[in-house]
Amino acid sequence: MNTPTTLTGMDTREPAYAWGQRVIAIDDLVNDGSHPERAEDALMAARGDVGEIVNIGHAQGLNEPVYLVQFADCVVGCLEIELVPAPLGLLSETDA
């Protein structure tokens, strides 16, 4: 199996989740200061909120995928430990 390699030569860990997949926040997600349009420590998504993965990046220092998740009113950068996959049938595909 071919695994992507970063510039440091370390194998890049493959994401567990995919674009378009629905996920659930397993804890309250608060602004760590990286979202300029929200106050620092503002609640971005509450525990149990359902979102959809809209992009996937990679945090090289952590060697972990970073997911951009669209929750109700904002996009939040999340690590895998902050998410669980939403069960099929939780929401219809036409729900926002």
N, C-alpha and C. Protein backbone atom coordinates (compact mmCIF):
# COMPACT_ATOMS: atom_id res chain seq x y z
N MET A 1 0.84 -1.19 0.00
CA MET A 1 0.00 0.00 0.00
C MET A 1 0.88 1.24 0.00
N ASN A 2 0.60 2.17 -0.88
CA ASN A 2 1.34 3.42 -0.93
C ASN A 2 0.76 4.41 0.06
N THR A 3 1.58 4.93 0.96
CA THR A 3 1.15 5.91 1.93
C THR A 3 1.84 7.23 1.62
N PRO A 4 1.09 8.36 1.61
CA PRO A 4 1.73 9.65 1.35
C PRO A 4 2.81 9.94 2.39
N THR A 5 3.84 10.65 2.00
CA THR A 5 4.93 11.00 2.89
C THR A 5 5.06 12.51 2.96
N THR A 6 5.25 13.04 4.17
CA THR A 6 5.44 14.47 4.35
C THR A 6 6.86 14.84 3.97
N LEU A 7 7.18 16.12 4.00
CA LEU A 7 8.52 16.59 3.67
C LEU A 7 9.56 16.08 4.66
N THR A 8 9.13 15.72 5.87
CA THR A 8 10.06 15.23 6.89
C THR A 8 10.38 13.76 6.68
N GLY A 9 9.70 13.09 5.75
CA GLY A 9 9.92 11.68 5.51
C GLY A 9 9.04 10.78 6.34
N MET A 10 8.23 11.35 7.22
CA MET A 10 7.34 10.58 8.07
C MET A 10 6.07 10.22 7.28
N ASP A 11 5.58 9.00 7.44
CA ASP A 11 4.34 8.61 6.78
C ASP A 11 3.19 9.44 7.32
N THR A 12 2.35 9.93 6.43
CA THR A 12 1.18 10.70 6.79
C THR A 12 0.05 9.74 7.13
N ARG A 13 -0.55 9.93 8.31
CA ARG A 13 -1.64 9.07 8.73
C ARG A 13 -2.88 9.35 7.89
N GLU A 14 -3.50 8.31 7.38
CA GLU A 14 -4.69 8.45 6.55
C GLU A 14 -5.89 8.87 7.41
N PRO A 15 -6.78 9.71 6.87
CA PRO A 15 -7.98 10.11 7.62
C PRO A 15 -8.94 8.94 7.83
N ALA A 16 -9.60 8.94 8.98
CA ALA A 16 -10.59 7.90 9.28
C ALA A 16 -11.94 8.26 8.68
N TYR A 17 -12.17 9.55 8.44
CA TYR A 17 -13.45 10.02 7.92
C TYR A 17 -13.27 10.60 6.52
N ALA A 18 -14.38 10.74 5.79
CA ALA A 18 -14.32 11.19 4.40
C ALA A 18 -15.11 12.48 4.20
N TRP A 19 -14.79 13.20 3.11
CA TRP A 19 -15.56 14.38 2.74
C TRP A 19 -17.01 13.99 2.60
N GLY A 20 -17.89 14.86 3.07
CA GLY A 20 -19.32 14.61 2.95
C GLY A 20 -19.89 13.73 4.04
N GLN A 21 -19.03 13.13 4.85
CA GLN A 21 -19.51 12.25 5.92
C GLN A 21 -20.08 13.08 7.06
N ARG A 22 -21.16 12.60 7.64
CA ARG A 22 -21.75 13.27 8.79
C ARG A 22 -21.11 12.73 10.06
N VAL A 23 -20.80 13.66 10.96
CA VAL A 23 -20.12 13.32 12.21
C VAL A 23 -20.81 14.06 13.36
N ILE A 24 -20.53 13.60 14.57
CA ILE A 24 -21.11 14.20 15.78
C ILE A 24 -19.97 14.69 16.66
N ALA A 25 -20.12 15.90 17.21
CA ALA A 25 -19.14 16.43 18.17
C ALA A 25 -19.30 15.66 19.48
N ILE A 26 -18.22 15.10 20.01
CA ILE A 26 -18.33 14.33 21.24
C ILE A 26 -18.11 15.18 22.49
N ASP A 27 -17.79 16.45 22.30
CA ASP A 27 -17.62 17.38 23.41
C ASP A 27 -17.94 18.77 22.88
N ASP A 28 -18.14 19.73 23.77
CA ASP A 28 -18.32 21.11 23.32
C ASP A 28 -17.05 21.56 22.61
N LEU A 29 -17.21 22.20 21.46
CA LEU A 29 -16.07 22.73 20.70
C LEU A 29 -16.09 24.24 20.84
N VAL A 30 -15.03 24.79 21.42
CA VAL A 30 -14.96 26.23 21.66
C VAL A 30 -13.85 26.84 20.82
N ASN A 31 -13.99 28.13 20.54
CA ASN A 31 -13.00 28.84 19.74
C ASN A 31 -11.70 28.98 20.54
N ASP A 32 -10.63 28.46 19.96
CA ASP A 32 -9.32 28.56 20.60
C ASP A 32 -8.59 29.83 20.17
N GLY A 33 -9.32 30.71 19.48
CA GLY A 33 -8.73 31.95 18.98
C GLY A 33 -8.44 31.90 17.50
N SER A 34 -8.62 30.73 16.88
CA SER A 34 -8.31 30.59 15.46
C SER A 34 -9.46 31.00 14.54
N HIS A 35 -10.64 31.22 15.09
CA HIS A 35 -11.79 31.66 14.28
C HIS A 35 -11.99 33.15 14.53
N PRO A 36 -11.55 34.00 13.61
CA PRO A 36 -11.51 35.45 13.86
C PRO A 36 -12.87 36.12 14.00
N GLU A 37 -13.93 35.48 13.52
CA GLU A 37 -15.25 36.12 13.59
C GLU A 37 -16.01 35.78 14.86
N ARG A 38 -15.41 35.01 15.75
CA ARG A 38 -16.04 34.61 17.01
C ARG A 38 -15.13 34.98 18.16
N ALA A 39 -15.74 35.26 19.31
CA ALA A 39 -14.95 35.57 20.50
C ALA A 39 -14.17 34.34 20.93
N GLU A 40 -12.99 34.58 21.49
CA GLU A 40 -12.21 33.46 22.02
C GLU A 40 -13.03 32.78 23.11
N ASP A 41 -13.01 31.47 23.15
CA ASP A 41 -13.77 30.63 24.08
C ASP A 41 -15.27 30.59 23.78
N ALA A 42 -15.70 31.16 22.64
CA ALA A 42 -17.11 31.08 22.24
C ALA A 42 -17.44 29.65 21.83
N LEU A 43 -18.64 29.19 22.14
CA LEU A 43 -19.08 27.85 21.75
C LEU A 43 -19.30 27.82 20.24
N MET A 44 -18.60 26.91 19.57
CA MET A 44 -18.71 26.77 18.12
C MET A 44 -19.69 25.66 17.76
N ALA A 45 -19.66 24.57 18.51
CA ALA A 45 -20.58 23.45 18.34
C ALA A 45 -20.72 22.76 19.69
N ALA A 46 -21.93 22.43 20.06
CA ALA A 46 -22.18 21.78 21.34
C ALA A 46 -22.03 20.26 21.22
N ARG A 47 -21.75 19.65 22.32
CA ARG A 47 -21.68 18.18 22.37
C ARG A 47 -22.98 17.61 21.80
N GLY A 48 -22.83 16.68 20.86
CA GLY A 48 -24.00 16.06 20.25
C GLY A 48 -24.45 16.71 18.95
N ASP A 49 -23.90 17.88 18.62
CA ASP A 49 -24.26 18.53 17.35
C ASP A 49 -23.76 17.69 16.18
N VAL A 50 -24.57 17.62 15.13
CA VAL A 50 -24.22 16.88 13.93
C VAL A 50 -23.70 17.86 12.89
N GLY A 51 -22.60 17.50 12.24
CA GLY A 51 -22.03 18.32 11.18
C GLY A 51 -21.62 17.45 10.01
N GLU A 52 -21.17 18.12 8.96
CA GLU A 52 -20.72 17.41 7.76
C GLU A 52 -19.30 17.84 7.43
N ILE A 53 -18.44 16.87 7.14
CA ILE A 53 -17.05 17.17 6.78
C ILE A 53 -17.02 17.81 5.40
N VAL A 54 -16.46 19.03 5.33
CA VAL A 54 -16.42 19.76 4.07
C VAL A 54 -15.01 19.87 3.49
N ASN A 55 -14.00 19.48 4.28
CA ASN A 55 -12.63 19.48 3.79
C ASN A 55 -11.77 18.70 4.77
N ILE A 56 -10.65 18.19 4.28
CA ILE A 56 -9.72 17.46 5.14
C ILE A 56 -8.31 17.97 4.87
N GLY A 57 -7.62 18.34 5.94
CA GLY A 57 -6.23 18.77 5.84
C GLY A 57 -5.36 17.87 6.70
N HIS A 58 -4.17 18.36 7.01
CA HIS A 58 -3.24 17.56 7.80
C HIS A 58 -2.41 18.47 8.69
N ALA A 59 -2.35 18.16 9.98
CA ALA A 59 -1.50 18.89 10.92
C ALA A 59 -0.17 18.15 10.98
N GLN A 60 0.85 18.70 10.32
CA GLN A 60 2.13 18.00 10.23
C GLN A 60 2.78 17.78 11.59
N GLY A 61 2.70 18.77 12.46
CA GLY A 61 3.33 18.64 13.77
C GLY A 61 2.74 17.50 14.58
N LEU A 62 1.46 17.24 14.39
CA LEU A 62 0.78 16.16 15.11
C LEU A 62 0.72 14.87 14.30
N ASN A 63 0.99 14.98 13.00
CA ASN A 63 0.82 13.89 12.04
C ASN A 63 -0.60 13.32 12.14
N GLU A 64 -1.57 14.23 12.12
CA GLU A 64 -2.98 13.85 12.21
C GLU A 64 -3.80 14.59 11.18
N PRO A 65 -4.85 13.95 10.68
CA PRO A 65 -5.79 14.66 9.81
C PRO A 65 -6.53 15.73 10.61
N VAL A 66 -6.85 16.82 9.94
CA VAL A 66 -7.69 17.87 10.51
C VAL A 66 -8.90 18.00 9.60
N TYR A 67 -10.08 17.95 10.20
CA TYR A 67 -11.34 17.98 9.45
C TYR A 67 -11.99 19.34 9.60
N LEU A 68 -12.41 19.93 8.49
CA LEU A 68 -13.26 21.11 8.55
C LEU A 68 -14.68 20.60 8.52
N VAL A 69 -15.41 20.88 9.59
CA VAL A 69 -16.76 20.35 9.75
C VAL A 69 -17.76 21.51 9.76
N GLN A 70 -18.75 21.44 8.87
CA GLN A 70 -19.82 22.44 8.83
C GLN A 70 -20.88 22.03 9.84
N PHE A 71 -20.95 22.78 10.93
CA PHE A 71 -22.03 22.61 11.89
C PHE A 71 -23.10 23.62 11.51
N ALA A 72 -24.14 23.79 12.27
CA ALA A 72 -25.29 24.62 11.91
C ALA A 72 -24.91 25.99 11.37
N ASP A 73 -24.09 26.73 12.08
CA ASP A 73 -23.83 28.11 11.66
C ASP A 73 -22.35 28.46 11.50
N CYS A 74 -21.47 27.45 11.53
CA CYS A 74 -20.05 27.75 11.33
C CYS A 74 -19.28 26.50 10.94
N VAL A 75 -18.09 26.75 10.41
CA VAL A 75 -17.17 25.67 10.06
C VAL A 75 -16.10 25.61 11.14
N VAL A 76 -15.86 24.41 11.65
CA VAL A 76 -14.92 24.23 12.77
C VAL A 76 -13.85 23.23 12.37
N GLY A 77 -12.60 23.53 12.68
CA GLY A 77 -11.51 22.58 12.49
C GLY A 77 -11.50 21.60 13.64
N CYS A 78 -11.52 20.30 13.34
CA CYS A 78 -11.61 19.26 14.36
C CYS A 78 -10.58 18.16 14.14
N LEU A 79 -10.16 17.57 15.23
CA LEU A 79 -9.34 16.36 15.17
C LEU A 79 -10.25 15.16 15.32
N GLU A 80 -9.74 13.98 14.97
CA GLU A 80 -10.56 12.76 15.05
C GLU A 80 -11.06 12.50 16.46
N ILE A 81 -10.27 12.82 17.47
CA ILE A 81 -10.68 12.55 18.85
C ILE A 81 -11.86 13.41 19.29
N GLU A 82 -12.22 14.42 18.50
CA GLU A 82 -13.35 15.29 18.83
C GLU A 82 -14.64 14.88 18.13
N LEU A 83 -14.58 13.82 17.31
CA LEU A 83 -15.71 13.43 16.47
C LEU A 83 -15.99 11.94 16.55
N VAL A 84 -17.23 11.60 16.27
CA VAL A 84 -17.62 10.20 16.01
C VAL A 84 -18.51 10.23 14.78
N PRO A 85 -18.52 9.13 14.01
CA PRO A 85 -19.39 9.11 12.84
C PRO A 85 -20.86 9.09 13.25
N ALA A 86 -21.68 9.83 12.51
CA ALA A 86 -23.12 9.84 12.76
C ALA A 86 -23.71 8.54 12.22
N PRO A 87 -24.58 7.89 12.98
CA PRO A 87 -25.19 6.65 12.49
C PRO A 87 -26.02 6.90 11.24
N LEU A 88 -26.00 5.94 10.32
CA LEU A 88 -26.82 6.06 9.12
C LEU A 88 -28.27 6.19 9.54
N GLY A 89 -29.00 7.07 8.86
CA GLY A 89 -30.41 7.26 9.13
C GLY A 89 -30.70 8.25 10.25
N LEU A 90 -29.65 8.80 10.89
CA LEU A 90 -29.88 9.78 11.94
C LEU A 90 -30.62 10.99 11.39
N LEU A 91 -30.17 11.46 10.23
CA LEU A 91 -30.82 12.57 9.52
C LEU A 91 -30.98 12.15 8.07
N SER A 92 -32.04 12.62 7.46
CA SER A 92 -32.19 12.31 6.03
C SER A 92 -31.15 13.11 5.26
N GLU A 93 -30.83 12.66 4.07
CA GLU A 93 -29.82 13.34 3.26
C GLU A 93 -30.26 14.74 2.84
N THR A 94 -31.53 15.07 2.97
CA THR A 94 -31.99 16.40 2.58
C THR A 94 -32.02 17.37 3.75
N ASP A 95 -31.81 16.87 4.99
CA ASP A 95 -31.77 17.76 6.15
C ASP A 95 -30.52 18.62 6.11
N ALA A 96 -30.65 19.85 6.60
CA ALA A 96 -29.50 20.75 6.62
C ALA A 96 -28.64 20.49 7.83
